[in-house]
PDB file of all heavy atoms in Angstrom:
ATOM      1  N   LEU A   1      38.286 149.233 141.036  1.00  0.00           N
ATOM      2  CA  LEU A   1      37.887 148.870 142.306  1.00  0.00           C
ATOM      3  C   LEU A   1      36.453 149.129 142.650  1.00  0.00           C
ATOM      4  O   LEU A   1      35.745 148.350 143.349  1.00  0.00           O
ATOM      5  CB  LEU A   1      38.787 149.767 143.337  1.00  0.00           C
ATOM      6  CG  LEU A   1      38.695 149.247 144.812  1.00  0.00           C
ATOM      7  CD1 LEU A   1      39.376 147.880 144.903  1.00  0.00           C
ATOM      8  CD2 LEU A   1      39.503 150.333 145.665  1.00  0.00           C
ATOM      9  N   ALA A   2      35.879 150.133 142.040  1.00  0.00           N
ATOM     10  CA  ALA A   2      34.356 150.416 142.099  1.00  0.00           C
ATOM     11  C   ALA A   2      33.567 149.215 141.460  1.00  0.00           C
ATOM     12  O   ALA A   2      32.648 148.696 142.200  1.00  0.00           O
ATOM     13  CB  ALA A   2      33.991 151.638 141.383  1.00  0.00           C
ATOM     14  N   SER A   3      33.974 148.703 140.350  1.00  0.00           N
ATOM     15  CA  SER A   3      33.361 147.528 139.817  1.00  0.00           C
ATOM     16  C   SER A   3      33.565 146.260 140.784  1.00  0.00           C
ATOM     17  O   SER A   3      32.693 145.457 141.013  1.00  0.00           O
ATOM     18  CB  SER A   3      33.728 147.286 138.464  1.00  0.00           C
ATOM     19  OG  SER A   3      33.247 148.187 137.554  1.00  0.00           O
ATOM     20  N   GLY A   4      34.868 146.118 141.263  1.00  0.00           N
ATOM     21  CA  GLY A   4      35.208 145.022 141.978  1.00  0.00           C
ATOM     22  C   GLY A   4      34.466 145.098 143.324  1.00  0.00           C
ATOM     23  O   GLY A   4      34.235 144.016 143.909  1.00  0.00           O
ATOM     24  N   ALA A   5      34.107 146.276 143.877  1.00  0.00           N
ATOM     25  CA  ALA A   5      33.390 146.353 145.196  1.00  0.00           C
ATOM     26  C   ALA A   5      31.989 145.649 144.963  1.00  0.00           C
ATOM     27  O   ALA A   5      31.476 144.994 145.838  1.00  0.00           O
ATOM     28  CB  ALA A   5      33.104 147.855 145.499  1.00  0.00           C
ATOM     29  N   VAL A   6      31.285 145.824 143.746  1.00  0.00           N
ATOM     30  CA  VAL A   6      30.141 145.050 143.566  1.00  0.00           C
ATOM     31  C   VAL A   6      30.279 143.567 143.514  1.00  0.00           C
ATOM     32  O   VAL A   6      29.514 142.771 144.068  1.00  0.00           O
ATOM     33  CB  VAL A   6      29.364 145.661 142.331  1.00  0.00           C
ATOM     34  CG1 VAL A   6      27.898 145.051 142.204  1.00  0.00           C
ATOM     35  CG2 VAL A   6      29.300 147.190 142.390  1.00  0.00           C
ATOM     36  N   VAL A   7      31.353 143.182 142.812  1.00  0.00           N
ATOM     37  CA  VAL A   7      31.753 141.695 142.778  1.00  0.00           C
ATOM     38  C   VAL A   7      31.928 141.192 144.187  1.00  0.00           C
ATOM     39  O   VAL A   7      31.419 140.199 144.623  1.00  0.00           O
ATOM     40  CB  VAL A   7      32.926 141.568 141.967  1.00  0.00           C
ATOM     41  CG1 VAL A   7      33.550 140.086 142.129  1.00  0.00           C
ATOM     42  CG2 VAL A   7      32.785 141.828 140.538  1.00  0.00           C
ATOM     43  N   THR A   8      32.620 142.003 145.034  1.00  0.00           N
ATOM     44  CA  THR A   8      32.819 141.634 146.406  1.00  0.00           C
ATOM     45  C   THR A   8      31.481 141.470 147.225  1.00  0.00           C
ATOM     46  O   THR A   8      31.299 140.487 147.903  1.00  0.00           O
ATOM     47  CB  THR A   8      33.752 142.684 147.176  1.00  0.00           C
ATOM     48  OG1 THR A   8      34.924 142.719 146.552  1.00  0.00           O
ATOM     49  CG2 THR A   8      33.908 142.431 148.582  1.00  0.00           C
ATOM     50  N   ALA A   9      30.637 142.401 146.899  1.00  0.00           N
ATOM     51  CA  ALA A   9      29.237 142.412 147.575  1.00  0.00           C
ATOM     52  C   ALA A   9      28.480 141.169 147.126  1.00  0.00           C
ATOM     53  O   ALA A   9      27.767 140.517 147.932  1.00  0.00           O
ATOM     54  CB  ALA A   9      28.505 143.641 147.435  1.00  0.00           C
ATOM     55  N   ILE A  10      28.419 140.965 145.860  1.00  0.00           N
ATOM     56  CA  ILE A  10      27.729 139.772 145.324  1.00  0.00           C
ATOM     57  C   ILE A  10      28.247 138.529 145.961  1.00  0.00           C
ATOM     58  O   ILE A  10      27.426 137.704 146.397  1.00  0.00           O
ATOM     59  CB  ILE A  10      27.893 139.746 143.772  1.00  0.00           C
ATOM     60  CG1 ILE A  10      27.140 140.844 143.062  1.00  0.00           C
ATOM     61  CG2 ILE A  10      27.356 138.295 143.214  1.00  0.00           C
ATOM     62  CD1 ILE A  10      25.616 140.806 143.134  1.00  0.00           C
ATOM     63  N   ASP A  11      29.554 138.299 145.999  1.00  0.00           N
ATOM     64  CA  ASP A  11      30.166 137.121 146.646  1.00  0.00           C
ATOM     65  C   ASP A  11      29.710 137.005 148.053  1.00  0.00           C
ATOM     66  O   ASP A  11      29.234 135.976 148.552  1.00  0.00           O
ATOM     67  CB  ASP A  11      31.730 137.211 146.513  1.00  0.00           C
ATOM     68  CG  ASP A  11      32.228 137.014 145.143  1.00  0.00           C
ATOM     69  OD1 ASP A  11      31.563 136.425 144.342  1.00  0.00           O
ATOM     70  OD2 ASP A  11      33.457 137.313 144.964  1.00  0.00           O
ATOM     71  N   ALA A  12      29.734 138.084 148.761  1.00  0.00           N
ATOM     72  CA  ALA A  12      29.305 138.016 150.243  1.00  0.00           C
ATOM     73  C   ALA A  12      27.866 137.681 150.434  1.00  0.00           C
ATOM     74  O   ALA A  12      27.562 136.942 151.364  1.00  0.00           O
ATOM     75  CB  ALA A  12      29.724 139.427 150.943  1.00  0.00           C
ATOM     76  N   VAL A  13      27.044 138.202 149.604  1.00  0.00           N
ATOM     77  CA  VAL A  13      25.599 137.877 149.699  1.00  0.00           C
ATOM     78  C   VAL A  13      25.401 136.433 149.219  1.00  0.00           C
ATOM     79  O   VAL A  13      24.558 135.722 149.874  1.00  0.00           O
ATOM     80  CB  VAL A  13      24.801 138.850 148.817  1.00  0.00           C
ATOM     81  CG1 VAL A  13      23.345 138.486 148.616  1.00  0.00           C
ATOM     82  CG2 VAL A  13      24.765 140.260 149.524  1.00  0.00           C
ATOM     83  N   MET A  14      25.963 136.076 148.127  1.00  0.00           N
ATOM     84  CA  MET A  14      25.651 134.756 147.583  1.00  0.00           C
ATOM     85  C   MET A  14      26.258 133.577 148.652  1.00  0.00           C
ATOM     86  O   MET A  14      25.735 132.489 148.670  1.00  0.00           O
ATOM     87  CB  MET A  14      26.255 134.539 146.243  1.00  0.00           C
ATOM     88  CG  MET A  14      25.645 135.429 145.134  1.00  0.00           C
ATOM     89  SD  MET A  14      23.826 135.424 145.172  1.00  0.00           S
ATOM     90  CE  MET A  14      23.526 133.760 144.691  1.00  0.00           C
ATOM     91  N   TRP A  15      27.387 133.900 149.221  1.00  0.00           N
ATOM     92  CA  TRP A  15      28.050 133.047 150.190  1.00  0.00           C
ATOM     93  C   TRP A  15      27.249 133.080 151.584  1.00  0.00           C
ATOM     94  O   TRP A  15      27.757 132.399 152.632  1.00  0.00           O
ATOM     95  CB  TRP A  15      29.480 133.225 150.275  1.00  0.00           C
ATOM     96  CG  TRP A  15      30.262 132.868 149.142  1.00  0.00           C
ATOM     97  CD1 TRP A  15      29.928 131.989 148.203  1.00  0.00           C
ATOM     98  CD2 TRP A  15      31.534 133.484 148.718  1.00  0.00           C
ATOM     99  NE1 TRP A  15      30.984 131.885 147.237  1.00  0.00           N
ATOM    100  CE2 TRP A  15      31.975 132.798 147.520  1.00  0.00           C
ATOM    101  CE3 TRP A  15      32.241 134.504 149.189  1.00  0.00           C
ATOM    102  CZ2 TRP A  15      33.106 133.206 146.796  1.00  0.00           C
ATOM    103  CZ3 TRP A  15      33.465 134.880 148.548  1.00  0.00           C
ATOM    104  CH2 TRP A  15      33.870 134.138 147.401  1.00  0.00           C
ATOM    105  N   LYS A  16      26.344 133.971 151.650  1.00  0.00           N
ATOM    106  CA  LYS A  16      25.506 134.226 152.919  1.00  0.00           C
ATOM    107  C   LYS A  16      26.445 134.712 154.130  1.00  0.00           C
ATOM    108  O   LYS A  16      26.116 134.510 155.289  1.00  0.00           O
ATOM    109  CB  LYS A  16      24.859 132.891 153.364  1.00  0.00           C
ATOM    110  CG  LYS A  16      23.834 132.531 152.076  1.00  0.00           C
ATOM    111  CD  LYS A  16      22.935 131.386 152.786  1.00  0.00           C
ATOM    112  CE  LYS A  16      22.057 130.841 151.585  1.00  0.00           C
ATOM    113  NZ  LYS A  16      21.113 131.860 150.930  1.00  0.00           N
ATOM    114  N   ASN A  17      27.442 135.363 153.698  1.00  0.00           N
ATOM    115  CA  ASN A  17      28.331 135.999 154.784  1.00  0.00           C
ATOM    116  C   ASN A  17      27.613 137.174 155.228  1.00  0.00           C
ATOM    117  O   ASN A  17      27.871 137.834 156.456  1.00  0.00           O
ATOM    118  CB  ASN A  17      29.723 136.439 154.200  1.00  0.00           C
ATOM    119  CG  ASN A  17      30.506 135.226 153.860  1.00  0.00           C
ATOM    120  OD1 ASN A  17      30.365 134.099 154.444  1.00  0.00           O
ATOM    121  ND2 ASN A  17      31.405 135.414 152.937  1.00  0.00           N
ATOM    122  N   VAL A  18      26.769 137.988 154.478  1.00  0.00           N
ATOM    123  CA  VAL A  18      25.875 139.058 154.874  1.00  0.00           C
ATOM    124  C   VAL A  18      24.503 138.820 154.235  1.00  0.00           C
ATOM    125  O   VAL A  18      24.347 137.979 153.344  1.00  0.00           O
ATOM    126  CB  VAL A  18      26.561 140.374 154.495  1.00  0.00           C
ATOM    127  CG1 VAL A  18      27.871 140.626 155.138  1.00  0.00           C
ATOM    128  CG2 VAL A  18      26.626 140.405 152.952  1.00  0.00           C
ATOM    129  N   ASP A  19      23.512 139.466 154.808  1.00  0.00           N
ATOM    130  CA  ASP A  19      22.153 139.442 154.295  1.00  0.00           C
ATOM    131  C   ASP A  19      21.916 140.274 153.086  1.00  0.00           C
ATOM    132  O   ASP A  19      21.026 139.947 152.239  1.00  0.00           O
ATOM    133  CB  ASP A  19      21.199 139.559 155.374  1.00  0.00           C
ATOM    134  CG  ASP A  19      21.315 138.666 156.567  1.00  0.00           C
ATOM    135  OD1 ASP A  19      21.350 137.445 156.308  1.00  0.00           O
ATOM    136  OD2 ASP A  19      21.446 139.109 157.721  1.00  0.00           O
ATOM    137  N   ALA A  20      22.625 141.371 153.107  1.00  0.00           N
ATOM    138  CA  ALA A  20      22.497 142.324 152.082  1.00  0.00           C
ATOM    139  C   ALA A  20      23.745 143.204 152.041  1.00  0.00           C
ATOM    140  O   ALA A  20      24.514 143.206 153.117  1.00  0.00           O
ATOM    141  CB  ALA A  20      21.293 143.315 152.197  1.00  0.00           C
ATOM    142  N   ALA A  21      23.998 143.999 151.051  1.00  0.00           N
ATOM    143  CA  ALA A  21      25.164 144.840 151.068  1.00  0.00           C
ATOM    144  C   ALA A  21      25.000 146.231 150.405  1.00  0.00           C
ATOM    145  O   ALA A  21      24.119 146.299 149.470  1.00  0.00           O
ATOM    146  CB  ALA A  21      26.312 144.093 150.406  1.00  0.00           C
ATOM    147  N   PHE A  22      25.663 147.195 150.797  1.00  0.00           N
ATOM    148  CA  PHE A  22      25.641 148.550 150.221  1.00  0.00           C
ATOM    149  C   PHE A  22      27.075 148.838 149.844  1.00  0.00           C
ATOM    150  O   PHE A  22      28.016 148.766 150.571  1.00  0.00           O
ATOM    151  CB  PHE A  22      25.149 149.650 151.073  1.00  0.00           C
ATOM    152  CG  PHE A  22      25.079 150.965 150.590  1.00  0.00           C
ATOM    153  CD1 PHE A  22      23.996 151.416 149.841  1.00  0.00           C
ATOM    154  CD2 PHE A  22      26.182 151.831 150.668  1.00  0.00           C
ATOM    155  CE1 PHE A  22      23.995 152.622 149.178  1.00  0.00           C
ATOM    156  CE2 PHE A  22      26.099 153.101 150.087  1.00  0.00           C
ATOM    157  CZ  PHE A  22      25.004 153.556 149.402  1.00  0.00           C
ATOM    158  N   CYS A  23      27.296 149.297 148.538  1.00  0.00           N
ATOM    159  CA  CYS A  23      28.616 149.584 147.986  1.00  0.00           C
ATOM    160  C   CYS A  23      28.657 151.111 147.867  1.00  0.00           C
ATOM    161  O   CYS A  23      28.069 151.625 147.024  1.00  0.00           O
ATOM    162  CB  CYS A  23      28.773 148.840 146.641  1.00  0.00           C
ATOM    163  SG  CYS A  23      28.613 147.170 146.618  1.00  0.00           S
ATOM    164  N   ALA A  24      29.542 151.606 148.703  1.00  0.00           N
ATOM    165  CA  ALA A  24      29.810 153.142 148.674  1.00  0.00           C
ATOM    166  C   ALA A  24      31.001 153.463 147.776  1.00  0.00           C
ATOM    167  O   ALA A  24      32.038 153.503 148.207  1.00  0.00           O
ATOM    168  CB  ALA A  24      30.028 153.712 150.132  1.00  0.00           C
ATOM    169  N   VAL A  25      30.634 153.580 146.439  1.00  0.00           N
ATOM    170  CA  VAL A  25      31.659 153.670 145.440  1.00  0.00           C
ATOM    171  C   VAL A  25      31.620 154.919 144.568  1.00  0.00           C
ATOM    172  O   VAL A  25      30.510 155.609 144.580  1.00  0.00           O
ATOM    173  CB  VAL A  25      31.668 152.427 144.500  1.00  0.00           C
ATOM    174  CG1 VAL A  25      31.643 151.090 145.340  1.00  0.00           C
ATOM    175  CG2 VAL A  25      30.248 152.511 143.638  1.00  0.00           C
ATOM    176  N   ARG A  26      32.692 155.162 144.085  1.00  0.00           N
ATOM    177  CA  ARG A  26      32.795 156.251 143.083  1.00  0.00           C
ATOM    178  C   ARG A  26      34.140 155.794 142.286  1.00  0.00           C
ATOM    179  O   ARG A  26      35.070 155.468 142.816  1.00  0.00           O
ATOM    180  CB  ARG A  26      32.811 157.651 143.486  1.00  0.00           C
ATOM    181  CG  ARG A  26      33.751 158.002 144.538  1.00  0.00           C
ATOM    182  CD  ARG A  26      33.540 159.417 145.121  1.00  0.00           C
ATOM    183  NE  ARG A  26      33.743 160.457 144.042  1.00  0.00           N
ATOM    184  CZ  ARG A  26      34.888 160.827 143.643  1.00  0.00           C
ATOM    185  NH1 ARG A  26      36.066 160.388 144.079  1.00  0.00           N
ATOM    186  NH2 ARG A  26      34.951 161.666 142.667  1.00  0.00           N
ATOM    187  N   PRO A  27      34.106 156.068 141.025  1.00  0.00           N
ATOM    188  CA  PRO A  27      33.052 156.645 140.101  1.00  0.00           C
ATOM    189  C   PRO A  27      31.844 155.842 140.059  1.00  0.00           C
ATOM    190  O   PRO A  27      31.928 154.551 140.199  1.00  0.00           O
ATOM    191  CB  PRO A  27      33.781 156.853 138.768  1.00  0.00           C
ATOM    192  CG  PRO A  27      34.781 155.830 138.711  1.00  0.00           C
ATOM    193  CD  PRO A  27      35.258 155.707 140.190  1.00  0.00           C
ATOM    194  N   PRO A  28      30.733 156.440 139.816  1.00  0.00           N
ATOM    195  CA  PRO A  28      29.415 155.739 139.615  1.00  0.00           C
ATOM    196  C   PRO A  28      29.423 155.025 138.304  1.00  0.00           C
ATOM    197  O   PRO A  28      30.358 155.112 137.549  1.00  0.00           O
ATOM    198  CB  PRO A  28      28.383 156.872 139.777  1.00  0.00           C
ATOM    199  CG  PRO A  28      29.050 158.037 139.238  1.00  0.00           C
ATOM    200  CD  PRO A  28      30.552 157.909 139.661  1.00  0.00           C
ATOM    201  N   GLY A  29      28.334 154.350 137.931  1.00  0.00           N
ATOM    202  CA  GLY A  29      28.431 153.507 136.763  1.00  0.00           C
ATOM    203  C   GLY A  29      27.231 153.358 135.803  1.00  0.00           C
ATOM    204  O   GLY A  29      27.454 152.956 134.620  1.00  0.00           O
ATOM    205  N   HIS A  30      26.067 153.777 136.282  1.00  0.00           N
ATOM    206  CA  HIS A  30      24.887 153.298 135.368  1.00  0.00           C
ATOM    207  C   HIS A  30      24.777 154.044 133.967  1.00  0.00           C
ATOM    208  O   HIS A  30      24.051 153.597 133.140  1.00  0.00           O
ATOM    209  CB  HIS A  30      23.578 153.485 136.169  1.00  0.00           C
ATOM    210  CG  HIS A  30      23.124 154.839 136.329  1.00  0.00           C
ATOM    211  ND1 HIS A  30      21.740 155.039 136.458  1.00  0.00           N
ATOM    212  CD2 HIS A  30      23.619 156.026 136.499  1.00  0.00           C
ATOM    213  CE1 HIS A  30      21.411 156.358 136.731  1.00  0.00           C
ATOM    214  NE2 HIS A  30      22.756 156.955 136.616  1.00  0.00           N
ATOM    215  N   HIS A  31      25.586 155.154 133.700  1.00  0.00           N
ATOM    216  CA  HIS A  31      25.497 155.809 132.428  1.00  0.00           C
ATOM    217  C   HIS A  31      26.561 155.192 131.468  1.00  0.00           C
ATOM    218  O   HIS A  31      26.554 155.369 130.262  1.00  0.00           O
ATOM    219  CB  HIS A  31      25.731 157.266 132.513  1.00  0.00           C
ATOM    220  CG  HIS A  31      24.611 158.041 133.136  1.00  0.00           C
ATOM    221  ND1 HIS A  31      23.414 157.910 132.758  1.00  0.00           N
ATOM    222  CD2 HIS A  31      24.665 158.870 134.203  1.00  0.00           C
ATOM    223  CE1 HIS A  31      22.668 158.698 133.494  1.00  0.00           C
ATOM    224  NE2 HIS A  31      23.280 159.250 134.394  1.00  0.00           N
ATOM    225  N   ALA A  32      27.531 154.333 131.963  1.00  0.00           N
ATOM    226  CA  ALA A  32      28.569 153.789 131.158  1.00  0.00           C
ATOM    227  C   ALA A  32      28.048 152.840 130.262  1.00  0.00           C
ATOM    228  O   ALA A  32      27.526 151.792 130.685  1.00  0.00           O
ATOM    229  CB  ALA A  32      29.695 153.334 132.045  1.00  0.00           C
ATOM    230  N   GLU A  33      28.185 152.854 128.917  1.00  0.00           N
ATOM    231  CA  GLU A  33      27.593 152.005 128.018  1.00  0.00           C
ATOM    232  C   GLU A  33      28.844 150.936 127.675  1.00  0.00           C
ATOM    233  O   GLU A  33      29.930 150.959 128.276  1.00  0.00           O
ATOM    234  CB  GLU A  33      27.162 152.637 126.768  1.00  0.00           C
ATOM    235  CG  GLU A  33      26.041 153.532 126.955  1.00  0.00           C
ATOM    236  CD  GLU A  33      25.364 154.072 125.779  1.00  0.00           C
ATOM    237  OE1 GLU A  33      26.012 153.923 124.609  1.00  0.00           O
ATOM    238  OE2 GLU A  33      24.271 154.512 125.824  1.00  0.00           O
ATOM    239  N   ARG A  34      28.606 149.872 126.988  1.00  0.00           N
ATOM    240  CA  ARG A  34      29.473 148.889 126.630  1.00  0.00           C
ATOM    241  C   ARG A  34      30.743 149.412 126.115  1.00  0.00           C
ATOM    242  O   ARG A  34      31.863 148.990 126.484  1.00  0.00           O
ATOM    243  CB  ARG A  34      28.883 147.840 125.580  1.00  0.00           C
ATOM    244  CG  ARG A  34      29.811 146.712 125.305  1.00  0.00           C
ATOM    245  CD  ARG A  34      29.112 145.836 124.274  1.00  0.00           C
ATOM    246  NE  ARG A  34      27.984 145.238 125.042  1.00  0.00           N
ATOM    247  CZ  ARG A  34      28.007 144.091 125.910  1.00  0.00           C
ATOM    248  NH1 ARG A  34      29.145 143.578 126.115  1.00  0.00           N
ATOM    249  NH2 ARG A  34      26.888 143.582 126.381  1.00  0.00           N
ATOM    250  N   ASP A  35      30.605 150.524 125.288  1.00  0.00           N
ATOM    251  CA  ASP A  35      31.838 150.945 124.686  1.00  0.00           C
ATOM    252  C   ASP A  35      32.241 152.458 124.871  1.00  0.00           C
ATOM    253  O   ASP A  35      33.029 153.030 124.211  1.00  0.00           O
ATOM    254  CB  ASP A  35      31.830 150.797 123.132  1.00  0.00           C
ATOM    255  CG  ASP A  35      30.419 151.459 122.566  1.00  0.00           C
ATOM    256  OD1 ASP A  35      29.741 152.001 123.390  1.00  0.00           O
ATOM    257  OD2 ASP A  35      30.302 151.448 121.329  1.00  0.00           O
ATOM    258  N   ARG A  36      31.671 152.977 125.973  1.00  0.00           N
ATOM    259  CA  ARG A  36      32.018 154.335 126.243  1.00  0.00           C
ATOM    260  C   ARG A  36      31.574 154.828 127.668  1.00  0.00           C
ATOM    261  O   ARG A  36      30.668 154.229 128.213  1.00  0.00           O
ATOM    262  CB  ARG A  36      31.380 155.349 125.325  1.00  0.00           C
ATOM    263  CG  ARG A  36      29.888 155.483 125.334  1.00  0.00           C
ATOM    264  CD  ARG A  36      29.324 156.566 124.468  1.00  0.00           C
ATOM    265  NE  ARG A  36      27.887 156.643 124.352  1.00  0.00           N
ATOM    266  CZ  ARG A  36      27.202 157.769 124.010  1.00  0.00           C
ATOM    267  NH1 ARG A  36      27.898 158.771 123.704  1.00  0.00           N
ATOM    268  NH2 ARG A  36      25.808 157.669 123.914  1.00  0.00           N
ATOM    269  N   ALA A  37      32.394 155.811 128.247  1.00  0.00           N
ATOM    270  CA  ALA A  37      32.093 156.326 129.417  1.00  0.00           C
ATOM    271  C   ALA A  37      31.174 157.675 129.136  1.00  0.00           C
ATOM    272  O   ALA A  37      31.260 158.326 128.077  1.00  0.00           O
ATOM    273  CB  ALA A  37      33.374 156.773 130.140  1.00  0.00           C
ATOM    274  N   MET A  38      30.351 157.950 130.118  1.00  0.00           N
ATOM    275  CA  MET A  38      29.439 159.240 130.091  1.00  0.00           C
ATOM    276  C   MET A  38      28.839 159.419 131.412  1.00  0.00           C
ATOM    277  O   MET A  38      28.784 158.558 132.134  1.00  0.00           O
ATOM    278  CB  MET A  38      28.506 158.981 128.809  1.00  0.00           C
ATOM    279  CG  MET A  38      27.371 158.052 129.000  1.00  0.00           C
ATOM    280  SD  MET A  38      26.131 157.921 127.727  1.00  0.00           S
ATOM    281  CE  MET A  38      25.280 159.551 127.958  1.00  0.00           C
ATOM    282  N   GLY A  39      28.327 160.676 131.494  1.00  0.00           N
ATOM    283  CA  GLY A  39      27.523 161.003 132.764  1.00  0.00           C
ATOM    284  C   GLY A  39      28.260 160.676 134.157  1.00  0.00           C
ATOM    285  O   GLY A  39      27.608 160.192 135.072  1.00  0.00           O
ATOM    286  N   PHE A  40      29.486 161.008 134.122  1.00  0.00           N
ATOM    287  CA  PHE A  40      30.276 160.822 135.401  1.00  0.00           C
ATOM    288  C   PHE A  40      30.800 159.414 135.606  1.00  0.00           C
ATOM    289  O   PHE A  40      31.516 159.046 136.602  1.00  0.00           O
ATOM    290  CB  PHE A  40      29.653 161.258 136.691  1.00  0.00           C
ATOM    291  CG  PHE A  40      28.950 162.589 136.613  1.00  0.00           C
ATOM    292  CD1 PHE A  40      27.918 162.932 137.604  1.00  0.00           C
ATOM    293  CD2 PHE A  40      29.323 163.627 135.773  1.00  0.00           C
ATOM    294  CE1 PHE A  40      27.301 164.188 137.729  1.00  0.00           C
ATOM    295  CE2 PHE A  40      28.703 164.795 135.828  1.00  0.00           C
ATOM    296  CZ  PHE A  40      27.734 165.190 136.652  1.00  0.00           C
ATOM    297  N   CYS A  41      30.370 158.486 134.704  1.00  0.00           N
ATOM    298  CA  CYS A  41      30.558 157.064 134.894  1.00  0.00           C
ATOM    299  C   CYS A  41      31.536 156.420 133.976  1.00  0.00           C
ATOM    300  O   CYS A  41      31.764 156.802 132.748  1.00  0.00           O
ATOM    301  CB  CYS A  41      29.225 156.332 134.614  1.00  0.00           C
ATOM    302  SG  CYS A  41      27.848 156.892 135.644  1.00  0.00           S
ATOM    303  N   LEU A  42      32.434 155.650 134.445  1.00  0.00           N
ATOM    304  CA  LEU A  42      33.580 155.020 133.689  1.00  0.00           C
ATOM    305  C   LEU A  42      33.324 153.650 133.265  1.00  0.00           C
ATOM    306  O   LEU A  42      33.345 153.331 132.093  1.00  0.00           O
ATOM    307  CB  LEU A  42      35.027 155.151 134.468  1.00  0.00           C
ATOM    308  CG  LEU A  42      35.274 156.504 134.993  1.00  0.00           C
ATOM    309  CD1 LEU A  42      36.667 156.580 135.640  1.00  0.00           C
ATOM    310  CD2 LEU A  42      35.217 157.573 133.830  1.00  0.00           C
ATOM    311  N   PHE A  43      33.135 152.798 134.315  1.00  0.00           N
ATOM    312  CA  PHE A  43      32.637 151.402 134.034  1.00  0.00           C
ATOM    313  C   PHE A  43      31.265 151.266 134.691  1.00  0.00           C
ATOM    314  O   PHE A  43      30.930 151.834 135.627  1.00  0.00           O
ATOM    315  CB  PHE A  43      33.533 150.365 134.648  1.00  0.00           C
ATOM    316  CG  PHE A  43      34.982 150.398 134.102  1.00  0.00           C
ATOM    317  CD1 PHE A  43      36.053 150.233 134.933  1.00  0.00           C
ATOM    318  CD2 PHE A  43      35.140 150.504 132.729  1.00  0.00           C
ATOM    319  CE1 PHE A  43      37.356 150.190 134.415  1.00  0.00           C
ATOM    320  CE2 PHE A  43      36.468 150.605 132.087  1.00  0.00           C
ATOM    321  CZ  PHE A  43      37.604 150.364 133.014  1.00  0.00           C
ATOM    322  N   ASN A  44      30.455 150.273 134.101  1.00  0.00           N
ATOM    323  CA  ASN A  44      29.137 150.052 134.637  1.00  0.00           C
ATOM    324  C   ASN A  44      29.134 149.085 135.867  1.00  0.00           C
ATOM    325  O   ASN A  44      29.111 147.830 135.541  1.00  0.00           O
ATOM    326  CB  ASN A  44      28.268 149.555 133.500  1.00  0.00           C
ATOM    327  CG  ASN A  44      26.780 149.733 133.899  1.00  0.00           C
ATOM    328  OD1 ASN A  44      26.291 149.269 134.914  1.00  0.00           O
ATOM    329  ND2 ASN A  44      26.020 150.463 133.157  1.00  0.00           N
TER     330      ASN A  44
END
């Protein structure tokens, strides 16, 4: 759902339903590499 939230936001921005979007998600993501979780992050 956290990754899907960013997909939802991208769609809303690209369809111009909103001007910008903030995704209040967890688990966070930027430490997750292609093949492993780390640093509190499951998916990127």
